[in-house]
Amino acid sequence: MWIKFPQRLGNQGVLLLSTGFLEPYYFSFRYKIIFMEINREEIEKKIREIVEPVIKGMGFKLFDVEFKPEGRGWVLRIIADREGGITIKDCETISKKISALLDVEDIIPFSYLLEITSPGLTRPLTKVEHYDFFKGRLVKLILKEPIEGKREVVGLIEDVRNGIIDIRDKEKGDILHIPFSAIAKGRLEIEGW
């Protein structure tokens, strides 16, 4: 998806001429029309390529990269984890390293907020890679259509291959082979509660 937005021109006056959903935002500054096109997915991909080796080298795993508008600005969210969890101090350490790296690489040509966070206890799982990341963890799935008579499945992620997620059903102990495309919603469950 392409998102078009204005280039900031310092503290000088900027006048909004027209807007529209996923259409160009046109701004006039002394009769000049200025706009930039940004492909969020492309930025997320480039940032992932740059930060993943650094995060891995620090002993963490990169869970996801999100770049999106929130409130009145843009947020670059780096989601990291490691065995045993991640602390606030870990997030601070990662932030310092990643911030310096992103300043040098200069992939995003405007201001944004860098946020380093953990996936959280009940994190939504929205990509096949998320299920692979959390192998062995308890998940709750809501399916688009029932599989083996179940529309809701709670169980452990046994394996992920070729877009198929193997879940050991918590109730029966059976392994269900669920295509990622059949999942309407998936999230981690708190274990032991």
Protein backbone atom coordinates (compact mmCIF):
# COMPACT_ATOMS: atom_id res chain seq x y z
CA MET A 1 0.00 0.00 0.00
CA TRP A 2 1.33 3.45 -0.91
CA ILE A 3 0.77 6.33 1.46
CA LYS A 4 1.45 9.83 0.27
CA PHE A 5 2.18 12.57 2.75
CA PRO A 6 3.74 16.02 2.86
CA GLN A 7 7.38 16.78 3.25
CA ARG A 8 7.84 19.04 6.27
CA LEU A 9 9.33 22.40 5.49
CA GLY A 10 10.68 23.47 8.87
CA ASN A 11 8.73 26.13 10.75
CA GLN A 12 7.48 27.82 7.57
CA GLY A 13 3.80 28.05 6.69
CA VAL A 14 2.21 25.07 4.99
CA LEU A 15 -1.32 25.15 3.58
CA LEU A 16 -3.42 22.04 3.02
CA LEU A 17 -5.12 22.22 -0.38
CA SER A 18 -6.82 18.82 -0.66
CA THR A 19 -6.80 15.40 1.00
CA GLY A 20 -8.36 12.03 0.43
CA PHE A 21 -8.02 8.49 1.69
CA LEU A 22 -4.85 7.03 0.15
CA GLU A 23 -4.69 9.95 -2.25
CA PRO A 24 -1.92 12.52 -2.37
CA TYR A 25 -1.80 15.18 0.28
CA TYR A 26 -0.92 18.36 -1.57
CA PHE A 27 0.70 21.23 0.27
CA SER A 28 1.50 24.62 -1.13
CA PHE A 29 4.50 26.67 -0.11
CA ARG A 30 4.95 29.81 -2.16
CA TYR A 31 3.21 28.18 -5.14
CA LYS A 32 5.26 24.97 -5.03
CA ILE A 33 3.49 21.62 -4.80
CA ILE A 34 5.47 19.14 -2.70
CA PHE A 35 4.60 15.54 -1.87
CA MET A 36 6.43 12.30 -1.12
CA GLU A 37 5.42 8.69 -1.65
CA ILE A 38 6.26 6.17 1.04
CA ASN A 39 5.70 2.45 0.82
CA ARG A 40 5.28 1.27 4.43
CA GLU A 41 5.92 -2.37 3.63
CA GLU A 42 9.15 -1.48 1.82
CA ILE A 43 10.36 0.61 4.77
CA GLU A 44 9.48 -2.19 7.21
CA LYS A 45 11.38 -4.68 5.02
CA LYS A 46 14.49 -2.48 4.80
CA ILE A 47 14.48 -1.82 8.53
CA ARG A 48 14.07 -5.53 9.27
CA GLU A 49 17.10 -6.31 7.07
CA ILE A 50 19.20 -3.72 8.89
CA VAL A 51 18.17 -4.30 12.51
CA GLU A 52 17.72 -8.10 12.60
CA PRO A 53 21.47 -8.94 12.58
CA VAL A 54 22.12 -6.32 15.27
CA ILE A 55 19.31 -7.59 17.51
CA LYS A 56 20.40 -11.20 16.94
CA GLY A 57 23.99 -10.25 17.82
CA MET A 58 22.73 -8.83 21.11
CA GLY A 59 21.11 -12.19 22.01
CA PHE A 60 17.51 -11.29 21.12
CA LYS A 61 15.06 -12.35 18.42
CA LEU A 62 13.29 -9.86 16.17
CA PHE A 63 9.57 -10.59 16.34
CA ASP A 64 8.27 -7.85 14.08
CA VAL A 65 8.74 -4.36 12.67
CA GLU A 66 5.77 -2.00 12.41
CA PHE A 67 5.81 1.44 10.81
CA LYS A 68 2.52 3.30 10.87
CA PRO A 69 0.85 6.60 11.61
CA GLU A 70 -0.43 6.93 15.18
CA GLY A 71 -1.93 10.05 16.64
CA ARG A 72 -0.25 13.07 15.06
CA GLY A 73 2.93 11.36 13.87
CA TRP A 74 4.59 8.16 12.73
CA VAL A 75 5.79 5.32 14.95
CA LEU A 76 8.49 2.79 14.14
CA ARG A 77 7.91 -0.14 16.49
CA ILE A 78 10.61 -2.78 16.82
CA ILE A 79 9.27 -5.83 18.64
CA ALA A 80 11.94 -8.09 20.13
CA ASP A 81 12.04 -10.99 22.56
CA ARG A 82 14.30 -13.71 23.90
CA GLU A 83 14.03 -16.89 25.93
CA GLY A 84 12.89 -15.92 29.41
CA GLY A 85 11.47 -12.58 28.27
CA ILE A 86 12.75 -9.08 27.75
CA THR A 87 13.13 -6.30 30.35
CA ILE A 88 12.80 -2.52 30.16
CA LYS A 89 16.59 -2.29 30.48
CA ASP A 90 16.90 -4.64 27.45
CA CYS A 91 14.54 -2.38 25.46
CA GLU A 92 16.65 0.64 26.42
CA THR A 93 19.86 -1.08 25.30
CA ILE A 94 18.30 -2.14 21.99
CA SER A 95 16.88 1.36 21.48
CA LYS A 96 20.29 3.03 21.83
CA LYS A 97 21.91 0.67 19.31
CA ILE A 98 19.06 0.73 16.81
CA SER A 99 18.57 4.50 17.05
CA ALA A 100 22.22 5.15 16.18
CA LEU A 101 22.05 2.64 13.32
CA LEU A 102 18.88 4.17 11.86
CA ASP A 103 20.38 7.66 12.07
CA VAL A 104 23.31 6.50 9.94
CA GLU A 105 21.18 4.55 7.42
CA ASP A 106 18.57 7.38 7.16
CA ILE A 107 15.84 5.20 5.61
CA ILE A 108 12.94 7.31 6.87
CA PRO A 109 13.19 10.88 5.53
CA PHE A 110 11.08 12.54 8.24
CA SER A 111 10.65 12.49 12.01
CA TYR A 112 9.14 9.48 13.77
CA LEU A 113 9.01 7.91 17.22
CA LEU A 114 11.18 4.82 17.74
CA GLU A 115 9.56 2.34 20.10
CA ILE A 116 11.19 -0.91 21.29
CA THR A 117 8.80 -3.36 22.89
CA SER A 118 8.23 -7.02 23.70
CA PRO A 119 5.53 -9.08 21.97
CA GLY A 120 3.49 -9.14 25.20
CA LEU A 121 1.77 -11.99 26.99
CA THR A 122 -1.31 -12.15 24.76
CA ARG A 123 0.17 -10.78 21.54
CA PRO A 124 -1.95 -11.15 18.39
CA LEU A 125 -0.31 -13.47 15.86
CA THR A 126 -0.86 -12.01 12.40
CA LYS A 127 1.85 -13.64 10.26
CA VAL A 128 3.02 -17.22 9.71
CA GLU A 129 6.43 -16.14 11.06
CA HIS A 130 4.81 -15.25 14.40
CA TYR A 131 3.66 -18.84 14.89
CA ASP A 132 7.13 -20.12 14.04
CA PHE A 133 8.62 -17.62 16.52
CA PHE A 134 6.43 -18.97 19.33
CA LYS A 135 6.77 -22.74 18.76
CA GLY A 136 6.00 -24.59 21.97
CA ARG A 137 3.78 -21.79 23.31
CA LEU A 138 0.07 -21.89 24.08
CA VAL A 139 -2.20 -20.13 21.57
CA LYS A 140 -5.88 -19.51 21.04
CA LEU A 141 -7.14 -19.57 17.46
CA ILE A 142 -10.48 -18.48 16.06
CA LEU A 143 -11.00 -20.19 12.70
CA LYS A 144 -12.87 -18.85 9.68
CA GLU A 145 -14.56 -22.25 9.20
CA PRO A 146 -14.69 -25.21 11.62
CA ILE A 147 -11.87 -27.76 11.34
CA GLU A 148 -12.63 -31.18 12.80
CA GLY A 149 -15.79 -29.68 14.30
CA LYS A 150 -13.98 -26.83 16.10
CA ARG A 151 -14.13 -23.14 15.35
CA GLU A 152 -12.03 -22.20 18.38
CA VAL A 153 -8.81 -24.03 19.22
CA VAL A 154 -6.54 -23.68 22.24
CA GLY A 155 -3.30 -25.60 22.16
CA LEU A 156 0.48 -25.65 21.83
CA ILE A 157 2.23 -24.76 18.58
CA GLU A 158 4.03 -27.97 17.63
CA ASP A 159 5.39 -27.06 14.19
CA VAL A 160 5.04 -24.61 11.31
CA ARG A 161 5.82 -25.58 7.72
CA ASN A 162 4.59 -24.46 4.31
CA GLY A 163 1.88 -22.25 5.80
CA ILE A 164 0.46 -25.09 7.94
CA ILE A 165 0.45 -24.68 11.71
CA ASP A 166 0.39 -27.87 13.78
CA ILE A 167 -1.43 -27.30 17.07
CA ARG A 168 -1.62 -29.87 19.88
CA ASP A 169 -5.22 -29.46 21.09
CA LYS A 170 -5.22 -28.68 24.81
CA GLU A 171 -8.45 -30.63 25.43
CA LYS A 172 -7.87 -33.86 23.49
CA GLY A 173 -4.11 -33.89 22.86
CA ASP A 174 -4.66 -34.44 19.12
CA ILE A 175 -2.55 -32.57 16.61
CA LEU A 176 -4.55 -30.35 14.28
CA HIS A 177 -3.03 -29.24 10.96
CA ILE A 178 -4.40 -25.75 10.42
CA PRO A 179 -3.62 -23.70 7.31
CA PHE A 180 -2.66 -20.13 8.17
CA SER A 181 -5.27 -18.95 5.65
CA ALA A 182 -8.00 -20.64 7.77
CA ILE A 183 -7.20 -18.54 10.87
CA ALA A 184 -9.41 -15.50 11.48
CA LYS A 185 -7.62 -14.52 14.73
CA GLY A 186 -4.75 -15.96 16.69
CA ARG A 187 -3.07 -14.86 19.88
CA LEU A 188 -0.82 -16.12 22.62
CA GLU A 189 -2.51 -17.42 25.75
CA ILE A 190 -1.19 -17.01 29.25
CA GLU A 191 0.08 -20.41 30.35
CA GLY A 192 -0.65 -21.89 33.76
CA TRP A 193 -3.71 -19.78 34.52
